[in-house]
Amino acid sequence: MIDLEVAHVSKRYWLRQPRRGVWSRIRPSYQEFWALRDVTFTVHRGEAIGVIGPNGAGKSTLLKILSEITAPTGGEIRLYGRLSALIEVGSGFHPELTGRENVFLSGSILGMRRAEIRARLADIIAFADIGDFIDAPVKWFSSGMYVRLGFAIAAHLDPQILLIDEALAVGDAEFQQKCYERIGSLRAAGTTIVFISHDLCSVERLCERALMMQHGRVAADGPAAEVVATYRQLVTAPGAAL
């Protein structure tokens, strides 16, 4: 059964070009930039897929489109299940609300009832392990506290599809281990996982399949160990230009 379909997705941005003189203000010049070009793949239910590639390859743009932060210029995304995303540290948090209040806010955005969120609240607070700061405004949080609470929310509100973007890199070693264990339990329960990371060892550890992005396109799609090996060869090749 398929949980996620990406069909011929492209994303174009217009980049302002520098011009001299008064015309730069009256009639600015723009150049198109394609962050994604004709990206197509499917993810089956319960599958864990890693997305790797160099900076600027289109990885984060893809995840932002999947999480509906931005819209594609062309193509179509189909999701078959409740999606929870940890795209950026603290993304979706309201800075004036407390950590506890942001748990309820995030759950409501996912379409959960207050009683459902309350039933998971103790597990979320215990996993985040930020002490009394759970009742402080999140604008006071350190980056580590943000990611702890953000991951705890994303991974405990019964997502059917979980998107993770470099979240594990922010926490300490103990917290990273907790994240790995939680992702493992979600995989065992049938959660579909899309994981973007520069940490190739984590991709091999958490995912059975990987996509390698280059210049906004899918350059390789297959078993995680094989795709990671291909990427390592490209990175270490003499004169490599990714």
Protein backbone atom coordinates (compact mmCIF):
# COMPACT_ATOMS: atom_id res chain seq x y z
CA MET A 1 0.00 0.00 0.00
CA ILE A 2 1.32 3.44 -0.94
CA ASP A 3 1.42 6.27 1.64
CA LEU A 4 3.13 8.95 -0.44
CA GLU A 5 3.19 9.69 -4.17
CA VAL A 6 5.34 12.40 -5.73
CA ALA A 7 4.55 12.83 -9.43
CA HIS A 8 6.66 15.08 -11.69
CA VAL A 9 7.12 17.73 -9.00
CA SER A 10 9.08 20.87 -9.89
CA LYS A 11 9.74 24.06 -7.94
CA ARG A 12 10.87 27.34 -9.51
CA TYR A 13 12.11 30.46 -7.76
CA TRP A 14 12.87 33.85 -9.28
CA LEU A 15 16.20 35.27 -8.14
CA ARG A 16 16.79 38.99 -8.37
CA GLN A 17 19.86 39.89 -10.43
CA PRO A 18 22.10 42.84 -9.62
CA ARG A 19 21.84 45.76 -12.04
CA ARG A 20 23.59 49.11 -12.04
CA GLY A 21 22.02 52.52 -12.06
CA VAL A 22 18.48 53.75 -11.57
CA TRP A 23 16.98 50.92 -13.67
CA SER A 24 17.87 48.44 -10.93
CA ARG A 25 15.12 50.05 -8.82
CA ILE A 26 12.62 50.86 -11.57
CA ARG A 27 12.81 47.62 -13.51
CA PRO A 28 14.67 44.93 -11.55
CA SER A 29 15.91 41.86 -13.40
CA TYR A 30 15.10 38.33 -12.29
CA GLN A 31 16.48 34.94 -13.30
CA GLU A 32 14.62 31.68 -12.83
CA PHE A 33 16.10 28.99 -10.63
CA TRP A 34 14.69 25.46 -10.52
CA ALA A 35 15.17 23.97 -7.05
CA LEU A 36 13.38 20.79 -8.18
CA ARG A 37 12.91 19.40 -11.67
CA ASP A 38 10.50 16.55 -12.49
CA VAL A 39 10.89 14.62 -9.22
CA THR A 40 8.91 11.38 -9.16
CA PHE A 41 8.87 8.57 -6.58
CA THR A 42 6.51 6.63 -4.31
CA VAL A 43 6.87 5.53 -0.68
CA HIS A 44 5.03 2.47 0.60
CA ARG A 45 3.39 2.19 3.99
CA GLY A 46 5.88 1.41 6.73
CA GLU A 47 8.88 2.22 4.55
CA ALA A 48 11.75 4.37 5.87
CA ILE A 49 13.44 6.34 3.11
CA GLY A 50 16.43 8.64 3.42
CA VAL A 51 17.03 11.67 1.21
CA ILE A 52 20.70 12.58 0.71
CA GLY A 53 22.75 14.85 -1.51
CA PRO A 54 24.92 17.98 -1.41
CA ASN A 55 23.77 21.40 -0.27
CA GLY A 56 21.51 22.97 -2.87
CA ALA A 57 20.44 19.62 -4.32
CA GLY A 58 16.76 20.25 -3.49
CA LYS A 59 16.36 18.08 -0.39
CA SER A 60 14.90 20.69 1.95
CA THR A 61 12.73 22.15 -0.81
CA LEU A 62 11.27 18.69 -1.38
CA LEU A 63 10.47 18.24 2.31
CA LYS A 64 8.90 21.70 2.53
CA ILE A 65 6.65 20.82 -0.38
CA LEU A 66 5.73 17.48 1.21
CA SER A 67 4.83 19.26 4.46
CA GLU A 68 2.87 21.97 2.59
CA ILE A 69 5.10 24.81 3.77
CA THR A 70 5.44 25.79 0.12
CA ALA A 71 3.60 24.77 -3.05
CA PRO A 72 5.15 23.12 -6.11
CA THR A 73 5.35 25.02 -9.39
CA GLY A 74 4.30 21.87 -11.19
CA GLY A 75 3.44 18.26 -10.47
CA GLU A 76 1.37 16.63 -7.76
CA ILE A 77 1.76 15.28 -4.21
CA ARG A 78 -0.60 12.65 -2.81
CA LEU A 79 -0.55 11.78 0.91
CA TYR A 80 -2.57 8.88 2.31
CA GLY A 81 -2.43 9.40 6.07
CA ARG A 82 -1.84 11.87 8.89
CA LEU A 83 1.48 13.65 8.39
CA SER A 84 3.73 15.01 11.12
CA ALA A 85 6.78 17.03 10.15
CA LEU A 86 9.92 18.12 11.93
CA ILE A 87 11.36 20.29 9.18
CA GLU A 88 13.14 23.02 11.13
CA VAL A 89 13.98 23.45 14.79
CA GLY A 90 10.83 24.72 16.45
CA SER A 91 8.91 25.04 13.20
CA GLY A 92 5.25 25.65 13.93
CA PHE A 93 5.82 26.79 17.52
CA HIS A 94 4.17 29.99 18.73
CA PRO A 95 6.92 31.83 20.64
CA GLU A 96 4.56 33.40 23.20
CA LEU A 97 2.92 30.09 24.15
CA THR A 98 4.42 27.66 26.64
CA GLY A 99 5.83 24.31 25.65
CA ARG A 100 2.73 22.58 27.01
CA GLU A 101 0.42 24.92 25.06
CA ASN A 102 2.42 24.31 21.89
CA VAL A 103 1.88 20.57 22.30
CA PHE A 104 -1.87 21.15 22.13
CA LEU A 105 -1.46 23.61 19.27
CA SER A 106 0.58 21.14 17.21
CA GLY A 107 -1.88 18.33 17.90
CA SER A 108 -4.80 20.51 16.85
CA ILE A 109 -3.05 21.39 13.59
CA LEU A 110 -2.72 17.65 12.95
CA GLY A 111 -6.47 17.28 13.44
CA MET A 112 -6.33 15.54 16.81
CA ARG A 113 -8.91 16.01 19.53
CA ARG A 114 -7.92 17.57 22.83
CA ALA A 115 -8.55 14.30 24.65
CA GLU A 116 -6.19 12.46 22.27
CA ILE A 117 -3.46 15.00 22.85
CA ARG A 118 -3.96 14.92 26.61
CA ALA A 119 -3.61 11.12 26.58
CA ARG A 120 -0.13 11.46 25.01
CA LEU A 121 0.98 14.54 26.91
CA ALA A 122 2.85 12.74 29.70
CA ASP A 123 4.88 10.68 27.19
CA ILE A 124 5.74 13.80 25.19
CA ILE A 125 6.90 15.71 28.27
CA ALA A 126 8.93 12.75 29.53
CA PHE A 127 10.61 12.26 26.15
CA ALA A 128 11.46 15.96 25.73
CA ASP A 129 13.01 16.00 29.23
CA ILE A 130 13.16 19.80 29.52
CA GLY A 131 11.98 20.00 33.12
CA ASP A 132 9.98 23.02 34.27
CA PHE A 133 10.61 24.76 30.94
CA ILE A 134 7.60 22.85 29.60
CA ASP A 135 5.50 25.61 31.21
CA ALA A 136 7.70 28.49 30.03
CA PRO A 137 7.21 30.41 26.75
CA VAL A 138 9.16 28.66 24.01
CA LYS A 139 10.83 31.96 23.09
CA TRP A 140 12.98 31.32 26.17
CA PHE A 141 14.07 27.87 24.93
CA SER A 142 17.57 27.02 23.79
CA SER A 143 17.93 25.37 20.37
CA GLY A 144 18.36 22.04 22.14
CA MET A 145 15.09 22.47 24.02
CA TYR A 146 13.33 23.40 20.79
CA VAL A 147 14.43 20.24 19.03
CA ARG A 148 13.71 18.03 22.03
CA LEU A 149 10.14 19.24 22.28
CA GLY A 150 9.68 19.42 18.52
CA PHE A 151 10.78 15.83 18.00
CA ALA A 152 8.78 14.60 20.99
CA ILE A 153 5.61 16.14 19.55
CA ALA A 154 6.23 14.95 15.99
CA ALA A 155 6.96 11.39 17.08
CA HIS A 156 4.22 10.90 19.69
CA LEU A 157 1.06 12.24 18.03
CA ASP A 158 0.42 9.03 16.08
CA PRO A 159 1.77 10.14 12.70
CA GLN A 160 1.17 7.80 9.76
CA ILE A 161 3.84 9.67 7.81
CA LEU A 162 6.77 11.30 9.64
CA LEU A 163 9.07 13.80 7.89
CA ILE A 164 12.38 14.58 9.61
CA ASP A 165 14.94 17.13 8.39
CA GLU A 166 18.33 17.00 10.14
CA ALA A 167 16.61 17.09 13.54
CA LEU A 168 18.88 14.55 15.18
CA ALA A 169 21.99 16.63 14.55
CA VAL A 170 20.95 19.23 17.14
CA GLY A 171 20.53 17.07 20.23
CA ASP A 172 23.26 15.53 22.35
CA ALA A 173 24.34 11.89 22.01
CA GLU A 174 21.89 10.64 24.66
CA PHE A 175 18.96 12.42 23.03
CA GLN A 176 19.97 11.19 19.57
CA GLN A 177 19.92 7.63 20.88
CA LYS A 178 16.39 8.19 22.24
CA CYS A 179 15.37 9.49 18.81
CA TYR A 180 16.82 6.45 17.04
CA GLU A 181 14.95 4.15 19.41
CA ARG A 182 11.69 6.06 18.93
CA ILE A 183 12.04 5.99 15.15
CA GLY A 184 12.71 2.27 15.38
CA SER A 185 9.52 1.72 17.36
CA LEU A 186 7.55 3.85 14.88
CA ARG A 187 8.93 1.80 12.00
CA ALA A 188 7.95 -1.40 13.79
CA ALA A 189 4.44 0.01 14.22
CA GLY A 190 4.17 0.70 10.48
CA THR A 191 4.86 4.44 10.34
CA THR A 192 6.17 5.73 7.02
CA ILE A 193 9.34 7.81 7.49
CA VAL A 194 11.08 10.29 5.19
CA PHE A 195 14.43 11.33 6.66
CA ILE A 196 16.67 14.02 5.15
CA SER A 197 20.22 14.15 6.45
CA HIS A 198 23.88 14.76 5.67
CA ASP A 199 24.71 12.06 8.25
CA LEU A 200 25.10 9.09 5.94
CA CYS A 201 25.62 6.66 8.81
CA SER A 202 22.25 7.68 10.27
CA VAL A 203 20.58 7.15 6.90
CA GLU A 204 22.05 3.66 6.67
CA ARG A 205 21.01 2.95 10.25
CA LEU A 206 17.43 4.23 10.04
CA CYS A 207 16.42 3.62 6.42
CA GLU A 208 16.24 0.63 4.13
CA ARG A 209 15.95 2.84 1.02
CA ALA A 210 17.47 6.14 -0.04
CA LEU A 211 17.15 8.82 -2.72
CA MET A 212 20.17 10.80 -3.86
CA MET A 213 19.36 14.30 -5.09
CA GLN A 214 21.54 16.24 -7.53
CA HIS A 215 20.71 19.59 -9.10
CA GLY A 216 17.05 19.28 -8.14
CA ARG A 217 16.58 15.81 -9.62
CA VAL A 218 16.56 12.24 -8.30
CA ALA A 219 19.97 10.89 -9.33
CA ALA A 220 19.68 7.51 -7.59
CA ASP A 221 16.95 5.50 -5.86
CA GLY A 222 17.55 2.15 -4.24
CA PRO A 223 18.72 0.29 -1.13
CA ALA A 224 20.18 2.74 1.38
CA ALA A 225 23.60 1.06 1.57
CA GLU A 226 24.01 1.15 -2.21
CA VAL A 227 22.86 4.75 -2.68
CA VAL A 228 25.02 5.97 0.22
CA ALA A 229 28.03 4.14 -1.28
CA THR A 230 27.36 5.80 -4.64
CA TYR A 231 27.19 9.22 -3.01
CA ARG A 232 30.43 8.65 -1.08
CA GLN A 233 32.18 7.70 -4.32
CA LEU A 234 30.94 10.89 -6.00
CA VAL A 235 32.02 13.06 -3.08
CA THR A 236 35.52 11.57 -2.93
CA ALA A 237 36.10 11.39 -6.69
CA PRO A 238 38.88 13.72 -7.96
CA GLY A 239 37.43 16.96 -9.27
CA ALA A 240 33.93 16.06 -8.05
CA ALA A 241 31.41 18.82 -8.74
CA LEU A 242 28.08 18.04 -7.11
